[in-house]
Amino acid sequence: MSSFKDQTSFIRLNHYPPCPIPHLALGVGRHKDAGGLTILAQDDIGGLEVQEGKTDGEWIRVKPTPDAYIIKCWKDTIQVWSNDEYESVEHRVVVNPERKRFSNSILLQSIALYLIEPWRSWANEKNPAKSKAYNWGMLFYSSEEQQFQEA
């Protein structure tokens, strides 16, 4: 796939120390991922939760499976490519009150200058595009810059 030929990828190493009052803290707040695919390795403690439904649904804990990877394709890019057939899912990470937790993820992103738009096989005259085309790199780097300026 040409959008990943010279792609931008990230490796994220996460450490979540124990938190005695876990309901007052999150390891990672609720969000949706902008990229194309994430490969996640986590320990046996777990903490990843996905939201059921489109908004304000129940948070469902993803049970950690030893020696396995979680492949997350619920990304914004996949939602746009599929013309909303596959939805980008909001998720978060909760902390554990007694044990530290580790997770490692590889986030595969499109090349920075690639135009993300619904694939022709998903969007056509009978099923118009539900999203406007956008440049992934401009979207990602402008949101990173905004987060940096707000910090």
N, C-alpha and C. Protein backbone atom coordinates (compact mmCIF):
# COMPACT_ATOMS: atom_id res chain seq x y z
N MET A 1 0.85 -1.17 0.00
CA MET A 1 0.00 0.00 0.00
C MET A 1 0.90 1.24 0.00
N SER A 2 0.70 2.12 -0.95
CA SER A 2 1.58 3.27 -1.14
C SER A 2 1.57 4.24 0.03
N SER A 3 0.48 4.31 0.78
CA SER A 3 0.43 5.26 1.89
C SER A 3 1.37 4.89 3.03
N PHE A 4 1.86 3.64 3.05
CA PHE A 4 2.76 3.21 4.10
C PHE A 4 4.17 2.90 3.60
N LYS A 5 4.45 3.20 2.32
CA LYS A 5 5.76 2.89 1.74
C LYS A 5 6.88 3.58 2.51
N ASP A 6 6.78 4.86 2.72
CA ASP A 6 7.78 5.62 3.48
C ASP A 6 7.10 6.23 4.71
N GLN A 7 6.44 5.39 5.45
CA GLN A 7 5.57 5.83 6.54
C GLN A 7 6.34 6.38 7.73
N THR A 8 5.59 7.02 8.59
CA THR A 8 6.09 7.53 9.86
C THR A 8 5.53 6.62 10.95
N SER A 9 6.39 6.02 11.72
CA SER A 9 5.95 5.14 12.79
C SER A 9 6.54 5.60 14.11
N PHE A 10 5.87 5.22 15.18
CA PHE A 10 6.31 5.58 16.51
C PHE A 10 6.34 4.33 17.38
N ILE A 11 7.26 4.29 18.29
CA ILE A 11 7.26 3.27 19.33
C ILE A 11 7.01 4.00 20.64
N ARG A 12 6.03 3.55 21.35
CA ARG A 12 5.69 4.20 22.62
C ARG A 12 5.88 3.17 23.75
N LEU A 13 6.72 3.51 24.70
CA LEU A 13 6.95 2.68 25.88
C LEU A 13 6.26 3.36 27.05
N ASN A 14 5.31 2.67 27.63
CA ASN A 14 4.50 3.28 28.71
C ASN A 14 4.76 2.59 30.04
N HIS A 15 4.90 3.39 31.07
CA HIS A 15 5.01 2.90 32.44
C HIS A 15 3.97 3.63 33.27
N TYR A 16 3.12 2.86 33.92
CA TYR A 16 2.08 3.42 34.77
C TYR A 16 2.35 2.98 36.20
N PRO A 17 2.82 3.90 37.06
CA PRO A 17 3.06 3.51 38.45
C PRO A 17 1.74 3.22 39.17
N PRO A 18 1.79 2.49 40.28
CA PRO A 18 0.55 2.25 41.01
C PRO A 18 -0.04 3.56 41.52
N CYS A 19 -1.34 3.61 41.60
CA CYS A 19 -2.02 4.83 42.06
C CYS A 19 -3.03 4.43 43.13
N PRO A 20 -2.86 4.91 44.36
CA PRO A 20 -3.75 4.49 45.45
C PRO A 20 -5.20 4.98 45.28
N ILE A 21 -5.41 5.97 44.45
CA ILE A 21 -6.77 6.48 44.21
C ILE A 21 -7.02 6.45 42.69
N PRO A 22 -7.20 5.26 42.11
CA PRO A 22 -7.24 5.14 40.65
C PRO A 22 -8.42 5.85 39.98
N HIS A 23 -9.51 6.04 40.68
CA HIS A 23 -10.66 6.71 40.06
C HIS A 23 -10.42 8.21 39.85
N LEU A 24 -9.32 8.74 40.42
CA LEU A 24 -8.99 10.15 40.24
C LEU A 24 -7.88 10.37 39.21
N ALA A 25 -7.40 9.28 38.61
CA ALA A 25 -6.30 9.41 37.65
C ALA A 25 -6.51 8.47 36.47
N LEU A 26 -5.98 8.86 35.34
CA LEU A 26 -5.97 8.00 34.16
C LEU A 26 -4.53 7.84 33.70
N GLY A 27 -4.20 6.67 33.19
CA GLY A 27 -2.89 6.48 32.59
C GLY A 27 -2.80 7.26 31.30
N VAL A 28 -3.83 7.17 30.47
CA VAL A 28 -3.97 7.94 29.25
C VAL A 28 -5.45 8.28 29.13
N GLY A 29 -5.76 9.54 28.96
CA GLY A 29 -7.15 9.98 28.85
C GLY A 29 -7.85 9.46 27.60
N ARG A 30 -9.16 9.63 27.58
CA ARG A 30 -9.97 9.15 26.45
C ARG A 30 -9.54 9.86 25.17
N HIS A 31 -9.42 9.06 24.10
CA HIS A 31 -8.97 9.61 22.82
C HIS A 31 -9.25 8.61 21.70
N LYS A 32 -9.12 9.08 20.48
CA LYS A 32 -9.14 8.24 19.29
C LYS A 32 -7.78 8.39 18.62
N ASP A 33 -7.31 7.36 17.97
CA ASP A 33 -6.01 7.40 17.31
C ASP A 33 -6.17 7.88 15.87
N ALA A 34 -5.24 8.70 15.43
CA ALA A 34 -5.32 9.27 14.09
C ALA A 34 -4.72 8.36 13.02
N GLY A 35 -3.81 7.49 13.37
CA GLY A 35 -3.06 6.73 12.38
C GLY A 35 -3.79 5.56 11.77
N GLY A 36 -3.02 4.60 11.26
CA GLY A 36 -3.60 3.48 10.54
C GLY A 36 -3.69 2.19 11.33
N LEU A 37 -2.68 1.88 12.15
CA LEU A 37 -2.65 0.60 12.84
C LEU A 37 -1.76 0.71 14.07
N THR A 38 -2.14 0.05 15.16
CA THR A 38 -1.30 0.00 16.35
C THR A 38 -1.14 -1.45 16.76
N ILE A 39 0.09 -1.83 17.08
CA ILE A 39 0.39 -3.15 17.62
C ILE A 39 0.77 -2.92 19.07
N LEU A 40 0.01 -3.51 19.99
CA LEU A 40 0.17 -3.25 21.43
C LEU A 40 0.56 -4.52 22.16
N ALA A 41 1.64 -4.43 22.93
CA ALA A 41 2.04 -5.50 23.85
C ALA A 41 1.86 -4.96 25.25
N GLN A 42 1.14 -5.70 26.07
CA GLN A 42 0.92 -5.24 27.45
C GLN A 42 1.23 -6.36 28.42
N ASP A 43 1.41 -5.99 29.68
CA ASP A 43 1.67 -7.01 30.69
C ASP A 43 0.36 -7.66 31.13
N ASP A 44 0.43 -8.46 32.18
CA ASP A 44 -0.76 -9.21 32.63
C ASP A 44 -1.72 -8.38 33.48
N ILE A 45 -1.38 -7.14 33.77
CA ILE A 45 -2.23 -6.32 34.63
C ILE A 45 -3.38 -5.70 33.85
N GLY A 46 -3.10 -5.21 32.67
CA GLY A 46 -4.14 -4.61 31.83
C GLY A 46 -4.50 -3.22 32.29
N GLY A 47 -5.32 -2.57 31.51
CA GLY A 47 -5.75 -1.21 31.81
C GLY A 47 -6.42 -0.55 30.62
N LEU A 48 -6.26 -1.15 29.43
CA LEU A 48 -6.89 -0.61 28.23
C LEU A 48 -8.40 -0.81 28.31
N GLU A 49 -9.14 0.27 28.03
CA GLU A 49 -10.60 0.21 27.98
C GLU A 49 -11.08 0.86 26.69
N VAL A 50 -12.12 0.29 26.10
CA VAL A 50 -12.73 0.86 24.90
C VAL A 50 -14.15 1.27 25.23
N GLN A 51 -14.61 2.30 24.55
CA GLN A 51 -15.96 2.80 24.82
C GLN A 51 -16.96 2.11 23.88
N GLU A 52 -18.01 1.62 24.48
CA GLU A 52 -19.07 0.98 23.71
C GLU A 52 -19.97 2.06 23.12
N GLY A 53 -20.31 1.94 21.87
CA GLY A 53 -21.19 2.91 21.25
C GLY A 53 -20.44 4.15 20.82
N LYS A 54 -21.16 5.08 20.20
CA LYS A 54 -20.52 6.27 19.64
C LYS A 54 -20.12 7.30 20.68
N THR A 55 -20.98 7.61 21.63
CA THR A 55 -20.64 8.61 22.65
C THR A 55 -21.22 8.21 24.00
N ASP A 56 -20.48 8.47 25.02
CA ASP A 56 -20.91 8.25 26.40
C ASP A 56 -21.41 6.84 26.69
N GLY A 57 -20.88 5.86 25.97
CA GLY A 57 -21.22 4.47 26.25
C GLY A 57 -20.41 3.94 27.42
N GLU A 58 -20.69 2.73 27.81
CA GLU A 58 -19.99 2.08 28.91
C GLU A 58 -18.54 1.80 28.50
N TRP A 59 -17.61 1.92 29.45
CA TRP A 59 -16.21 1.58 29.21
C TRP A 59 -16.03 0.09 29.44
N ILE A 60 -15.47 -0.58 28.46
CA ILE A 60 -15.27 -2.03 28.53
C ILE A 60 -13.78 -2.32 28.62
N ARG A 61 -13.41 -3.06 29.64
CA ARG A 61 -12.00 -3.38 29.87
C ARG A 61 -11.55 -4.47 28.88
N VAL A 62 -10.39 -4.27 28.27
CA VAL A 62 -9.81 -5.27 27.38
C VAL A 62 -8.95 -6.20 28.23
N LYS A 63 -9.34 -7.47 28.29
CA LYS A 63 -8.63 -8.43 29.12
C LYS A 63 -7.25 -8.70 28.53
N PRO A 64 -6.19 -8.51 29.32
CA PRO A 64 -4.85 -8.78 28.80
C PRO A 64 -4.64 -10.28 28.58
N THR A 65 -4.01 -10.62 27.49
CA THR A 65 -3.71 -12.01 27.17
C THR A 65 -2.19 -12.17 27.15
N PRO A 66 -1.63 -13.00 28.05
CA PRO A 66 -0.18 -13.16 28.09
C PRO A 66 0.38 -13.63 26.75
N ASP A 67 1.56 -13.12 26.39
CA ASP A 67 2.27 -13.50 25.17
C ASP A 67 1.45 -13.29 23.90
N ALA A 68 0.60 -12.28 23.90
CA ALA A 68 -0.20 -11.97 22.71
C ALA A 68 -0.12 -10.47 22.45
N TYR A 69 -0.48 -10.09 21.26
CA TYR A 69 -0.52 -8.69 20.87
C TYR A 69 -1.96 -8.28 20.60
N ILE A 70 -2.25 -7.03 20.89
CA ILE A 70 -3.53 -6.45 20.51
C ILE A 70 -3.26 -5.64 19.25
N ILE A 71 -4.01 -5.91 18.21
CA ILE A 71 -3.88 -5.16 16.96
C ILE A 71 -5.07 -4.22 16.91
N LYS A 72 -4.79 -2.93 16.99
CA LYS A 72 -5.85 -1.92 16.99
C LYS A 72 -5.95 -1.31 15.60
N CYS A 73 -7.06 -1.52 14.93
CA CYS A 73 -7.29 -0.87 13.64
C CYS A 73 -8.48 0.06 13.74
N TRP A 74 -8.86 0.44 14.93
CA TRP A 74 -10.00 1.34 15.09
C TRP A 74 -9.50 2.78 15.03
N LYS A 75 -8.84 3.14 13.98
CA LYS A 75 -8.19 4.42 13.85
C LYS A 75 -8.98 5.36 12.95
N ASP A 76 -8.73 6.66 13.09
CA ASP A 76 -9.40 7.66 12.26
C ASP A 76 -9.13 7.43 10.77
N THR A 77 -7.91 7.06 10.42
CA THR A 77 -7.57 6.83 9.02
C THR A 77 -8.43 5.72 8.43
N ILE A 78 -8.58 4.62 9.16
CA ILE A 78 -9.40 3.50 8.69
C ILE A 78 -10.85 3.94 8.53
N GLN A 79 -11.35 4.78 9.44
CA GLN A 79 -12.72 5.27 9.34
C GLN A 79 -12.91 6.08 8.06
N VAL A 80 -11.96 6.95 7.75
CA VAL A 80 -12.06 7.76 6.53
C VAL A 80 -11.94 6.87 5.29
N TRP A 81 -10.92 6.01 5.25
CA TRP A 81 -10.74 5.13 4.08
C TRP A 81 -11.99 4.31 3.80
N SER A 82 -12.63 3.80 4.87
CA SER A 82 -13.81 2.94 4.69
C SER A 82 -15.11 3.73 4.57
N ASN A 83 -15.01 5.05 4.50
CA ASN A 83 -16.19 5.91 4.40
C ASN A 83 -17.18 5.63 5.54
N ASP A 84 -16.63 5.56 6.74
CA ASP A 84 -17.38 5.36 8.00
C ASP A 84 -17.95 3.95 8.16
N GLU A 85 -17.56 3.01 7.31
CA GLU A 85 -18.00 1.62 7.49
C GLU A 85 -17.40 1.05 8.77
N TYR A 86 -16.13 1.40 9.03
CA TYR A 86 -15.45 1.01 10.27
C TYR A 86 -15.23 2.27 11.08
N GLU A 87 -15.64 2.25 12.32
CA GLU A 87 -15.60 3.45 13.15
C GLU A 87 -14.34 3.51 14.01
N SER A 88 -13.76 4.69 14.11
CA SER A 88 -12.67 4.93 15.02
C SER A 88 -13.24 4.89 16.45
N VAL A 89 -12.63 4.11 17.31
CA VAL A 89 -13.19 3.86 18.64
C VAL A 89 -12.43 4.64 19.70
N GLU A 90 -13.18 5.29 20.57
CA GLU A 90 -12.55 6.01 21.67
C GLU A 90 -12.07 5.00 22.71
N HIS A 91 -10.89 5.24 23.25
CA HIS A 91 -10.33 4.34 24.26
C HIS A 91 -9.50 5.14 25.26
N ARG A 92 -9.13 4.49 26.33
CA ARG A 92 -8.33 5.12 27.39
C ARG A 92 -7.56 4.03 28.12
N VAL A 93 -6.70 4.45 29.03
CA VAL A 93 -5.95 3.51 29.87
C VAL A 93 -6.16 3.91 31.32
N VAL A 94 -6.58 2.95 32.13
CA VAL A 94 -6.77 3.21 33.56
C VAL A 94 -5.58 2.65 34.34
N VAL A 95 -5.33 3.22 35.50
CA VAL A 95 -4.20 2.79 36.34
C VAL A 95 -4.66 1.76 37.36
N ASN A 96 -3.69 1.05 37.90
CA ASN A 96 -3.96 0.02 38.89
C ASN A 96 -3.62 0.57 40.27
N PRO A 97 -4.43 0.29 41.30
CA PRO A 97 -4.14 0.85 42.62
C PRO A 97 -2.93 0.24 43.33
N GLU A 98 -2.54 -1.00 42.95
CA GLU A 98 -1.50 -1.70 43.71
C GLU A 98 -0.25 -2.05 42.92
N ARG A 99 -0.36 -2.20 41.62
CA ARG A 99 0.78 -2.68 40.83
C ARG A 99 1.13 -1.73 39.69
N LYS A 100 2.43 -1.62 39.44
CA LYS A 100 2.85 -0.84 38.28
C LYS A 100 2.52 -1.64 37.02
N ARG A 101 2.44 -0.93 35.91
CA ARG A 101 2.04 -1.56 34.65
C ARG A 101 2.92 -1.04 33.53
N PHE A 102 3.20 -1.93 32.57
CA PHE A 102 3.97 -1.56 31.39
C PHE A 102 3.21 -1.95 30.13
N SER A 103 3.34 -1.15 29.11
CA SER A 103 2.85 -1.51 27.78
C SER A 103 3.77 -0.89 26.74
N ASN A 104 3.85 -1.54 25.61
CA ASN A 104 4.67 -1.07 24.50
C ASN A 104 3.82 -1.11 23.25
N SER A 105 3.90 -0.07 22.47
CA SER A 105 3.10 -0.06 21.25
C SER A 105 3.90 0.48 20.07
N ILE A 106 3.59 -0.05 18.91
CA ILE A 106 4.12 0.44 17.65
C ILE A 106 2.94 1.02 16.90
N LEU A 107 3.03 2.31 16.57
CA LEU A 107 1.95 3.00 15.87
C LEU A 107 2.39 3.24 14.44
N LEU A 108 1.69 2.61 13.50
CA LEU A 108 2.01 2.76 12.09
C LEU A 108 1.14 3.87 11.51
N GLN A 109 1.79 4.87 10.95
CA GLN A 109 1.11 6.03 10.40
C GLN A 109 1.39 6.11 8.91
N SER A 110 0.55 6.80 8.19
CA SER A 110 0.80 7.06 6.78
C SER A 110 1.99 7.99 6.62
N ILE A 111 2.51 8.07 5.40
CA ILE A 111 3.56 9.04 5.14
C ILE A 111 2.99 10.44 5.34
N ALA A 112 3.81 11.35 5.78
CA ALA A 112 3.34 12.67 6.20
C ALA A 112 2.61 13.43 5.10
N LEU A 113 3.01 13.28 3.85
CA LEU A 113 2.39 14.07 2.78
C LEU A 113 1.24 13.35 2.09
N TYR A 114 0.86 12.18 2.59
CA TYR A 114 -0.18 11.39 1.94
C TYR A 114 -1.57 11.99 2.20
N LEU A 115 -2.38 12.02 1.17
CA LEU A 115 -3.74 12.53 1.28
C LEU A 115 -4.66 11.39 1.72
N ILE A 116 -5.31 11.56 2.86
CA ILE A 116 -6.24 10.56 3.39
C ILE A 116 -7.63 10.93 2.90
N GLU A 117 -8.27 10.00 2.20
CA GLU A 117 -9.62 10.23 1.67
C GLU A 117 -10.32 8.89 1.52
N PRO A 118 -11.65 8.87 1.45
CA PRO A 118 -12.35 7.60 1.27
C PRO A 118 -11.93 6.90 -0.02
N TRP A 119 -11.73 5.59 0.07
CA TRP A 119 -11.38 4.81 -1.11
C TRP A 119 -12.55 4.80 -2.08
N ARG A 120 -12.26 4.81 -3.37
CA ARG A 120 -13.31 4.84 -4.39
C ARG A 120 -14.25 3.64 -4.28
N SER A 121 -13.75 2.52 -3.82
CA SER A 121 -14.61 1.33 -3.69
C SER A 121 -15.63 1.50 -2.55
N TRP A 122 -15.39 2.46 -1.64
CA TRP A 122 -16.31 2.70 -0.52
C TRP A 122 -17.17 3.94 -0.74
N ALA A 123 -16.64 4.92 -1.45
CA ALA A 123 -17.38 6.17 -1.69
C ALA A 123 -17.61 6.32 -3.19
N ASN A 124 -18.86 6.55 -3.56
CA ASN A 124 -19.21 6.69 -4.97
C ASN A 124 -20.48 7.52 -5.09
N GLU A 125 -21.07 7.58 -6.27
CA GLU A 125 -22.28 8.38 -6.46
C GLU A 125 -23.43 7.91 -5.57
N LYS A 126 -23.55 6.62 -5.38
CA LYS A 126 -24.63 6.08 -4.54
C LYS A 126 -24.33 6.23 -3.05
N ASN A 127 -23.06 6.29 -2.71
CA ASN A 127 -22.63 6.40 -1.32
C ASN A 127 -21.57 7.50 -1.23
N PRO A 128 -21.99 8.78 -1.17
CA PRO A 128 -21.03 9.89 -1.19
C PRO A 128 -20.05 9.85 -0.02
N ALA A 129 -18.89 10.48 -0.22
CA ALA A 129 -17.86 10.56 0.83
C ALA A 129 -18.44 11.25 2.07
N LYS A 130 -18.20 10.65 3.22
CA LYS A 130 -18.70 11.21 4.48
C LYS A 130 -17.65 12.08 5.17
N SER A 131 -16.41 12.04 4.67
CA SER A 131 -15.32 12.85 5.23
C SER A 131 -14.61 13.57 4.11
N LYS A 132 -14.10 14.74 4.44
CA LYS A 132 -13.27 15.47 3.48
C LYS A 132 -11.87 14.88 3.49
N ALA A 133 -11.19 14.96 2.36
CA ALA A 133 -9.80 14.51 2.28
C ALA A 133 -8.94 15.43 3.15
N TYR A 134 -7.91 14.86 3.75
CA TYR A 134 -6.98 15.66 4.54
C TYR A 134 -5.57 15.10 4.42
N ASN A 135 -4.60 15.95 4.68
CA ASN A 135 -3.21 15.56 4.66
C ASN A 135 -2.85 15.08 6.07
N TRP A 136 -2.48 13.81 6.20
CA TRP A 136 -2.25 13.24 7.53
C TRP A 136 -1.15 13.98 8.27
N GLY A 137 -0.04 14.26 7.61
CA GLY A 137 1.09 14.92 8.28
C GLY A 137 0.73 16.30 8.79
N MET A 138 0.00 17.07 7.99
CA MET A 138 -0.39 18.42 8.43
C MET A 138 -1.33 18.32 9.62
N LEU A 139 -2.26 17.38 9.60
CA LEU A 139 -3.18 17.20 10.72
C LEU A 139 -2.42 16.78 11.97
N PHE A 140 -1.56 15.77 11.86
CA PHE A 140 -0.85 15.24 13.01
C PHE A 140 0.10 16.28 13.60
N TYR A 141 0.95 16.86 12.76
CA TYR A 141 1.96 17.77 13.29
C TYR A 141 1.36 19.07 13.79
N SER A 142 0.26 19.54 13.22
CA SER A 142 -0.37 20.75 13.75
C SER A 142 -1.03 20.46 15.09
N SER A 143 -1.59 19.24 15.28
CA SER A 143 -2.19 18.92 16.59
C SER A 143 -1.11 18.72 17.63
N GLU A 144 0.05 18.15 17.25
CA GLU A 144 1.16 17.99 18.18
C GLU A 144 1.69 19.35 18.60
N GLU A 145 1.81 20.28 17.65
CA GLU A 145 2.29 21.63 17.95
C GLU A 145 1.33 22.34 18.89
N GLN A 146 0.03 22.16 18.64
CA GLN A 146 -0.97 22.79 19.50
C GLN A 146 -0.88 22.24 20.92
N GLN A 147 -0.72 20.91 21.06
CA GLN A 147 -0.59 20.31 22.38
C GLN A 147 0.65 20.83 23.08
N PHE A 148 1.76 20.98 22.34
CA PHE A 148 3.01 21.48 22.91
C PHE A 148 2.83 22.92 23.41
N GLN A 149 2.13 23.75 22.63
CA GLN A 149 1.94 25.14 23.00
C GLN A 149 1.01 25.27 24.21
N GLU A 150 0.07 24.33 24.37
CA GLU A 150 -0.86 24.39 25.49
C GLU A 150 -0.22 23.90 26.78
N ALA A 151 0.88 23.12 26.68
CA ALA A 151 1.52 22.54 27.87
C ALA A 151 2.29 23.58 28.67
